[in-house]
Amino acid sequence: MRNTRTTIYVPVIAVLALLLVVGALVLTGCGGKSPSTSSGNPALADTQPFVASATPGPATGGTTTEVGDVTQTRNATASYTIEATDPRCNGTFDVVYNMDEAADGTMTKFYGTWKVTNDKGTWVCDNWTGAQDALGVHTFTFGVSKGTGDYEGLVAVWQWYWPLNASSFSTALPLMAVSGWIDKAK
């Protein structure tokens, strides 16, 4: 008999693998030349993928407005601790988010800003976006951040996944899968 933890981790690992494959396809132009020093593009040759885990805290603050059967949340904040395979991505993740949640629990919009800070620099994302699947149980977000400090001249692409509905966002989330890559800024 499989326990609940195994049941949750199996789909998370599958989605994480899928996100890395999608990222590789985006970097290679969806079937173009693979990123290597022979591709002639030194920025692609330096691309470094990463995976990470997040220990999130509960969302706080912001305003909530009821518009018909939709709850609009604006400028709520949350803070996470990130541990990544690339130490440049480790640190404190501070996010500001906005979302519209329908009465049935499905999310219609999910967007905001975030930054990841550690002792070497900061990754700043001025605009990230995301969505929830049609069943309202899987949330996906995507954002591109610019590096500061030791990370100046680099960008980091972050892809987040968690298997919970939007109403769970106001509490501490037990599991998040994060993947992405760091590249030279174009």
C-alpha atoms as a PDB file:
ATOM      1  CA  MET A   1       0.000   0.000   0.000  1.00  0.00           C
ATOM      2  CA  ARG A   2       1.371   3.424  -0.963  1.00  0.00           C
ATOM      3  CA  ASN A   3       1.346   6.160   1.611  1.00  0.00           C
ATOM      4  CA  THR A   4       0.186   9.727   0.995  1.00  0.00           C
ATOM      5  CA  ARG A   5       3.737  11.065   0.814  1.00  0.00           C
ATOM      6  CA  THR A   6       4.652   8.616  -1.984  1.00  0.00           C
ATOM      7  CA  THR A   7       1.428   9.447  -3.801  1.00  0.00           C
ATOM      8  CA  ILE A   8       2.329  13.154  -3.768  1.00  0.00           C
ATOM      9  CA  TYR A   9       6.035  12.808  -4.597  1.00  0.00           C
ATOM     10  CA  VAL A  10       5.619  10.564  -7.664  1.00  0.00           C
ATOM     11  CA  PRO A  11       3.632  13.163  -9.669  1.00  0.00           C
ATOM     12  CA  VAL A  12       5.893  15.972  -8.424  1.00  0.00           C
ATOM     13  CA  ILE A  13       9.004  14.172  -9.657  1.00  0.00           C
ATOM     14  CA  ALA A  14       7.330  13.484 -13.004  1.00  0.00           C
ATOM     15  CA  VAL A  15       6.332  17.145 -13.404  1.00  0.00           C
ATOM     16  CA  LEU A  16       9.800  18.313 -12.378  1.00  0.00           C
ATOM     17  CA  ALA A  17      11.361  16.085 -15.035  1.00  0.00           C
ATOM     18  CA  LEU A  18       8.871  17.441 -17.575  1.00  0.00           C
ATOM     19  CA  LEU A  19       9.733  21.034 -16.644  1.00  0.00           C
ATOM     20  CA  LEU A  20      13.441  20.352 -17.177  1.00  0.00           C
ATOM     21  CA  VAL A  21      12.724  18.799 -20.596  1.00  0.00           C
ATOM     22  CA  VAL A  22      10.558  21.790 -21.578  1.00  0.00           C
ATOM     23  CA  GLY A  23      13.316  24.127 -20.403  1.00  0.00           C
ATOM     24  CA  ALA A  24      15.874  22.265 -22.490  1.00  0.00           C
ATOM     25  CA  LEU A  25      13.603  22.492 -25.531  1.00  0.00           C
ATOM     26  CA  VAL A  26      13.145  26.238 -25.020  1.00  0.00           C
ATOM     27  CA  LEU A  27      16.904  26.715 -24.721  1.00  0.00           C
ATOM     28  CA  THR A  28      17.579  24.705 -27.868  1.00  0.00           C
ATOM     29  CA  GLY A  29      14.950  26.492 -29.902  1.00  0.00           C
ATOM     30  CA  CYS A  30      12.482  23.589 -29.797  1.00  0.00           C
ATOM     31  CA  GLY A  31      14.586  21.196 -31.766  1.00  0.00           C
ATOM     32  CA  GLY A  32      17.378  23.425 -33.031  1.00  0.00           C
ATOM     33  CA  LYS A  33      21.046  23.046 -32.176  1.00  0.00           C
ATOM     34  CA  SER A  34      21.791  21.728 -28.730  1.00  0.00           C
ATOM     35  CA  PRO A  35      23.501  24.069 -26.274  1.00  0.00           C
ATOM     36  CA  SER A  36      27.184  23.313 -26.508  1.00  0.00           C
ATOM     37  CA  THR A  37      30.342  25.186 -27.230  1.00  0.00           C
ATOM     38  CA  SER A  38      30.113  23.941 -30.816  1.00  0.00           C
ATOM     39  CA  SER A  39      26.756  25.706 -31.276  1.00  0.00           C
ATOM     40  CA  GLY A  40      28.571  29.001 -31.749  1.00  0.00           C
ATOM     41  CA  ASN A  41      26.519  30.664 -29.021  1.00  0.00           C
ATOM     42  CA  PRO A  42      28.642  31.100 -25.884  1.00  0.00           C
ATOM     43  CA  ALA A  43      25.619  32.191 -23.811  1.00  0.00           C
ATOM     44  CA  LEU A  44      23.918  28.848 -24.428  1.00  0.00           C
ATOM     45  CA  ALA A  45      27.149  26.994 -23.690  1.00  0.00           C
ATOM     46  CA  ASP A  46      27.149  28.548 -20.201  1.00  0.00           C
ATOM     47  CA  THR A  47      23.537  27.691 -19.382  1.00  0.00           C
ATOM     48  CA  GLN A  48      23.297  25.907 -16.030  1.00  0.00           C
ATOM     49  CA  PRO A  49      20.094  24.039 -15.063  1.00  0.00           C
ATOM     50  CA  PHE A  50      19.036  23.704 -11.431  1.00  0.00           C
ATOM     51  CA  VAL A  51      16.367  22.061  -9.328  1.00  0.00           C
ATOM     52  CA  ALA A  52      15.360  23.288  -5.901  1.00  0.00           C
ATOM     53  CA  SER A  53      13.111  22.671  -2.966  1.00  0.00           C
ATOM     54  CA  ALA A  54      11.191  25.344  -1.144  1.00  0.00           C
ATOM     55  CA  THR A  55      10.154  25.537   2.471  1.00  0.00           C
ATOM     56  CA  PRO A  56       7.309  28.036   2.227  1.00  0.00           C
ATOM     57  CA  GLY A  57       5.672  30.135   4.857  1.00  0.00           C
ATOM     58  CA  PRO A  58       2.062  31.311   4.896  1.00  0.00           C
ATOM     59  CA  ALA A  59       0.906  34.213   2.762  1.00  0.00           C
ATOM     60  CA  THR A  60       0.198  37.436   4.642  1.00  0.00           C
ATOM     61  CA  GLY A  61      -1.092  40.945   4.066  1.00  0.00           C
ATOM     62  CA  GLY A  62      -2.617  42.280   0.903  1.00  0.00           C
ATOM     63  CA  THR A  63      -6.217  43.144   0.255  1.00  0.00           C
ATOM     64  CA  THR A  64      -9.143  40.904  -0.610  1.00  0.00           C
ATOM     65  CA  THR A  65     -12.188  42.092  -2.532  1.00  0.00           C
ATOM     66  CA  GLU A  66     -15.297  40.128  -3.515  1.00  0.00           C
ATOM     67  CA  VAL A  67     -16.427  40.835  -7.088  1.00  0.00           C
ATOM     68  CA  GLY A  68     -19.437  38.651  -7.877  1.00  0.00           C
ATOM     69  CA  ASP A  69     -18.359  35.068  -7.171  1.00  0.00           C
ATOM     70  CA  VAL A  70     -14.646  35.920  -7.493  1.00  0.00           C
ATOM     71  CA  THR A  71     -12.311  36.736  -4.607  1.00  0.00           C
ATOM     72  CA  GLN A  72      -9.586  39.125  -5.769  1.00  0.00           C
ATOM     73  CA  THR A  73      -6.382  39.123  -3.713  1.00  0.00           C
ATOM     74  CA  ARG A  74      -3.895  41.927  -4.345  1.00  0.00           C
ATOM     75  CA  ASN A  75      -0.357  42.512  -3.013  1.00  0.00           C
ATOM     76  CA  ALA A  76      -0.236  39.572  -0.595  1.00  0.00           C
ATOM     77  CA  THR A  77       3.251  38.447   0.433  1.00  0.00           C
ATOM     78  CA  ALA A  78       4.995  35.214   1.391  1.00  0.00           C
ATOM     79  CA  SER A  79       8.563  34.246   2.233  1.00  0.00           C
ATOM     80  CA  TYR A  80      10.253  30.903   1.480  1.00  0.00           C
ATOM     81  CA  THR A  81      13.617  29.308   2.075  1.00  0.00           C
ATOM     82  CA  ILE A  82      15.132  27.944  -1.160  1.00  0.00           C
ATOM     83  CA  GLU A  83      17.739  25.186  -1.398  1.00  0.00           C
ATOM     84  CA  ALA A  84      18.942  24.521  -4.948  1.00  0.00           C
ATOM     85  CA  THR A  85      21.451  22.332  -6.720  1.00  0.00           C
ATOM     86  CA  ASP A  86      23.081  25.588  -7.872  1.00  0.00           C
ATOM     87  CA  PRO A  87      24.087  27.532  -4.727  1.00  0.00           C
ATOM     88  CA  ARG A  88      23.539  30.831  -6.558  1.00  0.00           C
ATOM     89  CA  CYS A  89      19.791  30.117  -6.265  1.00  0.00           C
ATOM     90  CA  ASN A  90      19.819  29.404  -2.516  1.00  0.00           C
ATOM     91  CA  GLY A  91      18.431  31.985  -0.162  1.00  0.00           C
ATOM     92  CA  THR A  92      15.307  33.732   0.972  1.00  0.00           C
ATOM     93  CA  PHE A  93      12.541  33.939  -1.611  1.00  0.00           C
ATOM     94  CA  ASP A  94      10.170  36.877  -1.044  1.00  0.00           C
ATOM     95  CA  VAL A  95       7.104  37.002  -3.277  1.00  0.00           C
ATOM     96  CA  VAL A  96       4.275  39.463  -3.856  1.00  0.00           C
ATOM     97  CA  TYR A  97       1.285  37.860  -5.531  1.00  0.00           C
ATOM     98  CA  ASN A  98      -2.124  38.714  -6.943  1.00  0.00           C
ATOM     99  CA  MET A  99      -4.858  36.267  -7.836  1.00  0.00           C
ATOM    100  CA  ASP A 100      -8.532  35.910  -8.700  1.00  0.00           C
ATOM    101  CA  GLU A 101     -10.171  32.843  -7.207  1.00  0.00           C
ATOM    102  CA  ALA A 102     -13.621  31.656  -8.314  1.00  0.00           C
ATOM    103  CA  ALA A 103     -16.163  30.325  -5.823  1.00  0.00           C
ATOM    104  CA  ASP A 104     -15.391  26.758  -6.962  1.00  0.00           C
ATOM    105  CA  GLY A 105     -11.748  27.215  -5.858  1.00  0.00           C
ATOM    106  CA  THR A 106     -10.217  27.515  -9.328  1.00  0.00           C
ATOM    107  CA  MET A 107      -7.738  30.292  -9.914  1.00  0.00           C
ATOM    108  CA  THR A 108      -8.187  32.504 -12.949  1.00  0.00           C
ATOM    109  CA  LYS A 109      -5.096  34.708 -12.582  1.00  0.00           C
ATOM    110  CA  PHE A 110      -1.859  34.384 -10.661  1.00  0.00           C
ATOM    111  CA  TYR A 111       0.930  36.934 -11.045  1.00  0.00           C
ATOM    112  CA  GLY A 112       3.265  39.250  -9.172  1.00  0.00           C
ATOM    113  CA  THR A 113       6.909  40.006  -8.377  1.00  0.00           C
ATOM    114  CA  TRP A 114       9.613  38.227  -6.362  1.00  0.00           C
ATOM    115  CA  LYS A 115      13.252  38.241  -5.357  1.00  0.00           C
ATOM    116  CA  VAL A 116      15.704  35.668  -4.021  1.00  0.00           C
ATOM    117  CA  THR A 117      18.452  37.037  -1.793  1.00  0.00           C
ATOM    118  CA  ASN A 118      21.629  35.460  -0.461  1.00  0.00           C
ATOM    119  CA  ASP A 119      25.040  36.775   0.617  1.00  0.00           C
ATOM    120  CA  LYS A 120      26.334  36.959  -2.998  1.00  0.00           C
ATOM    121  CA  GLY A 121      23.472  38.874  -4.628  1.00  0.00           C
ATOM    122  CA  THR A 122      19.801  38.962  -5.512  1.00  0.00           C
ATOM    123  CA  TRP A 123      17.624  37.578  -8.293  1.00  0.00           C
ATOM    124  CA  VAL A 124      14.804  40.037  -9.085  1.00  0.00           C
ATOM    125  CA  CYS A 125      11.699  39.121 -11.083  1.00  0.00           C
ATOM    126  CA  ASP A 126       9.519  42.106 -11.944  1.00  0.00           C
ATOM    127  CA  ASN A 127       6.688  40.060 -13.467  1.00  0.00           C
ATOM    128  CA  TRP A 128       5.877  36.375 -13.098  1.00  0.00           C
ATOM    129  CA  THR A 129       2.747  34.577 -14.094  1.00  0.00           C
ATOM    130  CA  GLY A 130       1.043  31.302 -13.441  1.00  0.00           C
ATOM    131  CA  ALA A 131      -2.102  29.261 -13.678  1.00  0.00           C
ATOM    132  CA  GLN A 132      -3.963  26.401 -12.153  1.00  0.00           C
ATOM    133  CA  ASP A 133      -5.091  23.314 -14.027  1.00  0.00           C
ATOM    134  CA  ALA A 134      -8.772  22.847 -14.926  1.00  0.00           C
ATOM    135  CA  LEU A 135      -9.315  20.571 -11.913  1.00  0.00           C
ATOM    136  CA  GLY A 136      -7.994  23.234  -9.540  1.00  0.00           C
ATOM    137  CA  VAL A 137      -5.426  20.952  -7.918  1.00  0.00           C
ATOM    138  CA  HIS A 138      -2.090  21.762  -9.625  1.00  0.00           C
ATOM    139  CA  THR A 139      -0.538  25.224  -9.706  1.00  0.00           C
ATOM    140  CA  PHE A 140       2.251  26.214 -12.123  1.00  0.00           C
ATOM    141  CA  THR A 141       4.181  29.509 -12.206  1.00  0.00           C
ATOM    142  CA  PHE A 142       6.972  30.873 -14.399  1.00  0.00           C
ATOM    143  CA  GLY A 143       9.272  33.877 -14.029  1.00  0.00           C
ATOM    144  CA  VAL A 144      12.545  35.282 -15.369  1.00  0.00           C
ATOM    145  CA  SER A 145      14.790  37.109 -12.911  1.00  0.00           C
ATOM    146  CA  LYS A 146      17.781  39.409 -13.384  1.00  0.00           C
ATOM    147  CA  GLY A 147      20.841  39.014 -11.199  1.00  0.00           C
ATOM    148  CA  THR A 148      22.451  41.705  -9.051  1.00  0.00           C
ATOM    149  CA  GLY A 149      25.666  41.671  -7.028  1.00  0.00           C
ATOM    150  CA  ASP A 150      27.835  38.693  -8.034  1.00  0.00           C
ATOM    151  CA  TYR A 151      25.020  37.610 -10.398  1.00  0.00           C
ATOM    152  CA  GLU A 152      25.068  40.837 -12.446  1.00  0.00           C
ATOM    153  CA  GLY A 153      24.794  40.026 -16.167  1.00  0.00           C
ATOM    154  CA  LEU A 154      22.929  36.755 -15.553  1.00  0.00           C
ATOM    155  CA  VAL A 155      19.275  35.767 -15.714  1.00  0.00           C
ATOM    156  CA  ALA A 156      17.620  32.882 -13.899  1.00  0.00           C
ATOM    157  CA  VAL A 157      14.450  31.266 -15.218  1.00  0.00           C
ATOM    158  CA  TRP A 158      12.283  29.709 -12.483  1.00  0.00           C
ATOM    159  CA  GLN A 159       9.424  27.225 -12.916  1.00  0.00           C
ATOM    160  CA  TRP A 160       7.324  26.343  -9.852  1.00  0.00           C
ATOM    161  CA  TYR A 161       4.836  23.531  -9.351  1.00  0.00           C
ATOM    162  CA  TRP A 162       2.758  22.487  -6.365  1.00  0.00           C
ATOM    163  CA  PRO A 163      -0.128  20.015  -6.210  1.00  0.00           C
ATOM    164  CA  LEU A 164      -2.585  22.109  -4.210  1.00  0.00           C
ATOM    165  CA  ASN A 165      -5.515  24.326  -5.047  1.00  0.00           C
ATOM    166  CA  ALA A 166      -5.491  28.112  -4.822  1.00  0.00           C
ATOM    167  CA  SER A 167      -7.347  28.204  -1.508  1.00  0.00           C
ATOM    168  CA  SER A 168      -4.382  26.440   0.107  1.00  0.00           C
ATOM    169  CA  PHE A 169      -2.093  29.342  -0.777  1.00  0.00           C
ATOM    170  CA  SER A 170      -3.070  31.196   2.403  1.00  0.00           C
ATOM    171  CA  THR A 171      -1.495  28.475   4.542  1.00  0.00           C
ATOM    172  CA  ALA A 172       2.008  27.029   4.628  1.00  0.00           C
ATOM    173  CA  LEU A 173       2.443  24.772   1.613  1.00  0.00           C
ATOM    174  CA  PRO A 174       4.095  21.442   2.373  1.00  0.00           C
ATOM    175  CA  LEU A 175       5.709  20.698  -0.974  1.00  0.00           C
ATOM    176  CA  MET A 176       6.929  22.650  -3.989  1.00  0.00           C
ATOM    177  CA  ALA A 177       8.973  21.521  -6.967  1.00  0.00           C
ATOM    178  CA  VAL A 178      11.207  24.158  -8.522  1.00  0.00           C
ATOM    179  CA  SER A 179      13.369  23.899 -11.624  1.00  0.00           C
ATOM    180  CA  GLY A 180      15.015  26.295 -14.019  1.00  0.00           C
ATOM    181  CA  TRP A 181      18.298  27.483 -15.402  1.00  0.00           C
ATOM    182  CA  ILE A 182      20.793  30.337 -15.176  1.00  0.00           C
ATOM    183  CA  ASP A 183      22.055  31.936 -18.353  1.00  0.00           C
ATOM    184  CA  LYS A 184      23.958  35.023 -19.446  1.00  0.00           C
ATOM    185  CA  ALA A 185      21.706  38.048 -19.996  1.00  0.00           C
ATOM    186  CA  LYS A 186      21.131  38.727 -23.676  1.00  0.00           C
END
